[in-house]
Amino acid sequence: MSFFACIFDTMNIFTTKLLAWYAVHKRDLPWRHTIDPYTVWLSEVIMQQTRVTQGLPYYVRFVSQYPKVNDLANASEDELLKLWQGLGYYSRARNLHKTAKEVVQLHDGIFPSTYNELIKLPGIGPYCLLYTSPSPRDRQKSRMPSSA
């Protein structure tokens, strides 16, 4: 067996075992039960540099207080920052607000559905696109190295 075939087999075994472990041990998280790009994006921003156990209550509060992107866009910055209090990195909250406003003003309150539109929104980069883009092709684009 060649070196590369051996590496490939090892990766296949590891992947199979990892997926089997995940099927048994995955956490039941609310954003895994939706395809709504707004709430998925909201979870991604909240969970950046935050443990799930800390971020989950914030996610629940945000979705409760701002169930739609229009609600978030219409919130005052003071109100938003008060709800964000305790998560730190307040620039994330301000970018969250700025993005919500752009989605409402430029896209009629509907999250863009293509990579080229989503990547223009503030605070949305390739990693975030892996989860917020509804298109498998666009999710694949976000995995490409920047030098490609």
Protein backbone atom coordinates (compact mmCIF):
# COMPACT_ATOMS: atom_id res chain seq x y z
CA MET A 1 0.00 0.00 0.00
CA SER A 2 1.36 3.39 -0.94
CA PHE A 3 1.96 6.13 1.59
CA PHE A 4 -0.94 8.21 0.25
CA ALA A 5 -3.33 5.24 0.24
CA CYS A 6 -2.39 4.58 3.87
CA ILE A 7 -3.06 8.23 4.78
CA PHE A 8 -6.40 8.12 2.94
CA ASP A 9 -7.45 4.93 4.75
CA THR A 10 -6.46 6.42 8.10
CA MET A 11 -8.48 9.56 7.37
CA ASN A 12 -11.51 7.46 6.36
CA ILE A 13 -11.32 5.46 9.60
CA PHE A 14 -10.92 8.61 11.67
CA THR A 15 -13.82 10.35 9.87
CA THR A 16 -16.10 7.35 10.33
CA LYS A 17 -15.28 7.11 14.04
CA LEU A 18 -15.69 10.85 14.56
CA LEU A 19 -19.10 10.91 12.86
CA ALA A 20 -20.23 7.89 14.89
CA TRP A 21 -19.13 9.61 18.10
CA TYR A 22 -20.92 12.81 17.07
CA ALA A 23 -24.16 10.93 16.34
CA VAL A 24 -24.19 9.69 19.95
CA HIS A 25 -22.80 12.73 21.79
CA LYS A 26 -23.91 15.82 19.84
CA ARG A 27 -25.63 18.52 21.82
CA ASP A 28 -29.20 19.43 21.04
CA LEU A 29 -28.84 23.10 20.09
CA PRO A 30 -31.70 25.25 18.76
CA TRP A 31 -29.84 26.57 15.72
CA ARG A 32 -29.37 22.99 14.50
CA HIS A 33 -33.15 22.74 14.08
CA THR A 34 -33.57 25.63 11.66
CA ILE A 35 -32.56 26.64 8.18
CA ASP A 36 -33.48 30.28 8.81
CA PRO A 37 -30.33 32.19 7.81
CA TYR A 38 -31.06 34.98 10.32
CA THR A 39 -31.12 32.76 13.41
CA VAL A 40 -28.21 30.64 12.17
CA TRP A 41 -26.18 33.81 11.56
CA LEU A 42 -27.21 35.15 14.97
CA SER A 43 -25.94 31.95 16.62
CA GLU A 44 -22.64 32.19 14.74
CA VAL A 45 -22.01 35.77 15.85
CA ILE A 46 -22.97 35.07 19.46
CA MET A 47 -20.86 31.91 19.64
CA GLN A 48 -17.68 33.52 18.29
CA GLN A 49 -15.08 33.35 21.05
CA THR A 50 -17.78 32.17 23.47
CA ARG A 51 -18.45 28.78 25.08
CA VAL A 52 -21.80 27.29 24.10
CA THR A 53 -22.87 27.05 27.74
CA GLN A 54 -22.34 30.81 28.08
CA GLY A 55 -23.72 31.82 24.67
CA LEU A 56 -26.87 29.67 24.59
CA PRO A 57 -28.88 31.84 27.04
CA TYR A 58 -27.91 34.93 25.02
CA TYR A 59 -29.06 33.25 21.81
CA VAL A 60 -32.41 32.38 23.39
CA ARG A 61 -32.86 35.95 24.68
CA PHE A 62 -31.92 37.49 21.31
CA VAL A 63 -34.29 35.25 19.35
CA SER A 64 -37.03 35.98 21.87
CA GLN A 65 -36.53 39.76 21.80
CA TYR A 66 -35.62 40.01 18.09
CA PRO A 67 -37.32 37.08 16.32
CA LYS A 68 -36.81 38.60 12.85
CA VAL A 69 -33.94 40.56 11.36
CA ASN A 70 -36.25 43.59 11.05
CA ASP A 71 -36.73 43.55 14.84
CA LEU A 72 -32.98 43.58 15.39
CA ALA A 73 -32.43 46.30 12.80
CA ASN A 74 -35.05 48.53 14.48
CA ALA A 75 -33.60 48.10 17.99
CA SER A 76 -31.66 50.94 19.52
CA GLU A 77 -27.93 50.39 19.92
CA ASP A 78 -28.25 50.97 23.68
CA GLU A 79 -30.95 48.29 23.94
CA LEU A 80 -28.86 45.87 21.89
CA LEU A 81 -25.69 46.48 23.91
CA LYS A 82 -27.61 45.99 27.16
CA LEU A 83 -28.84 42.58 25.96
CA TRP A 84 -25.29 41.75 24.78
CA GLN A 85 -23.80 42.71 28.17
CA GLY A 86 -21.63 39.89 29.50
CA LEU A 87 -20.55 38.50 26.13
CA GLY A 88 -17.74 41.02 25.67
CA TYR A 89 -16.31 42.06 22.31
CA TYR A 90 -18.94 44.76 21.82
CA SER A 91 -17.76 45.32 18.25
CA ARG A 92 -19.53 42.03 17.43
CA ALA A 93 -22.81 43.47 18.74
CA ARG A 94 -22.33 46.66 16.74
CA ASN A 95 -21.52 44.69 13.58
CA LEU A 96 -24.55 42.48 14.24
CA HIS A 97 -26.70 45.61 14.35
CA LYS A 98 -25.05 47.11 11.26
CA THR A 99 -25.55 43.88 9.29
CA ALA A 100 -29.20 43.62 10.33
CA LYS A 101 -29.78 47.19 9.16
CA GLU A 102 -28.14 46.46 5.80
CA VAL A 103 -30.21 43.31 5.31
CA VAL A 104 -33.37 45.33 5.95
CA GLN A 105 -32.38 48.40 3.92
CA LEU A 106 -30.66 46.73 0.96
CA HIS A 107 -32.37 43.33 0.83
CA ASP A 108 -35.91 44.04 2.09
CA GLY A 109 -35.31 42.11 5.31
CA ILE A 110 -34.37 38.88 3.54
CA PHE A 111 -30.89 37.48 4.00
CA PRO A 112 -29.10 37.31 0.65
CA SER A 113 -28.95 33.83 -0.81
CA THR A 114 -25.65 33.93 -2.69
CA TYR A 115 -22.04 33.95 -1.64
CA ASN A 116 -21.31 37.18 -3.54
CA GLU A 117 -24.12 39.03 -1.74
CA LEU A 118 -23.51 37.54 1.73
CA ILE A 119 -19.75 38.18 1.72
CA LYS A 120 -20.42 41.93 1.30
CA LEU A 121 -22.29 42.14 4.60
CA PRO A 122 -20.26 43.49 7.54
CA GLY A 123 -18.94 40.79 9.85
CA ILE A 124 -19.67 37.90 7.50
CA GLY A 125 -16.55 36.13 6.35
CA PRO A 126 -15.83 32.74 4.79
CA TYR A 127 -16.24 30.80 8.04
CA CYS A 128 -19.62 32.34 8.83
CA LEU A 129 -20.71 31.61 5.26
CA LEU A 130 -20.21 27.89 5.87
CA TYR A 131 -23.30 28.01 8.07
CA THR A 132 -25.40 30.91 6.87
CA SER A 133 -25.41 30.35 3.11
CA PRO A 134 -28.41 28.34 1.94
CA SER A 135 -26.54 27.12 -1.14
CA PRO A 136 -24.21 24.10 -0.93
CA ARG A 137 -22.20 25.58 -3.82
CA ASP A 138 -21.70 28.82 -1.89
CA ARG A 139 -20.71 26.89 1.25
CA GLN A 140 -18.12 25.08 -0.87
CA LYS A 141 -16.76 28.42 -2.13
CA SER A 142 -16.18 29.56 1.42
CA ARG A 143 -13.96 26.52 2.00
CA MET A 144 -11.62 27.42 -0.83
CA PRO A 145 -8.24 28.80 0.18
CA SER A 146 -7.88 32.50 -0.45
CA SER A 147 -5.01 31.84 -2.84
CA ALA A 148 -7.23 29.72 -5.16
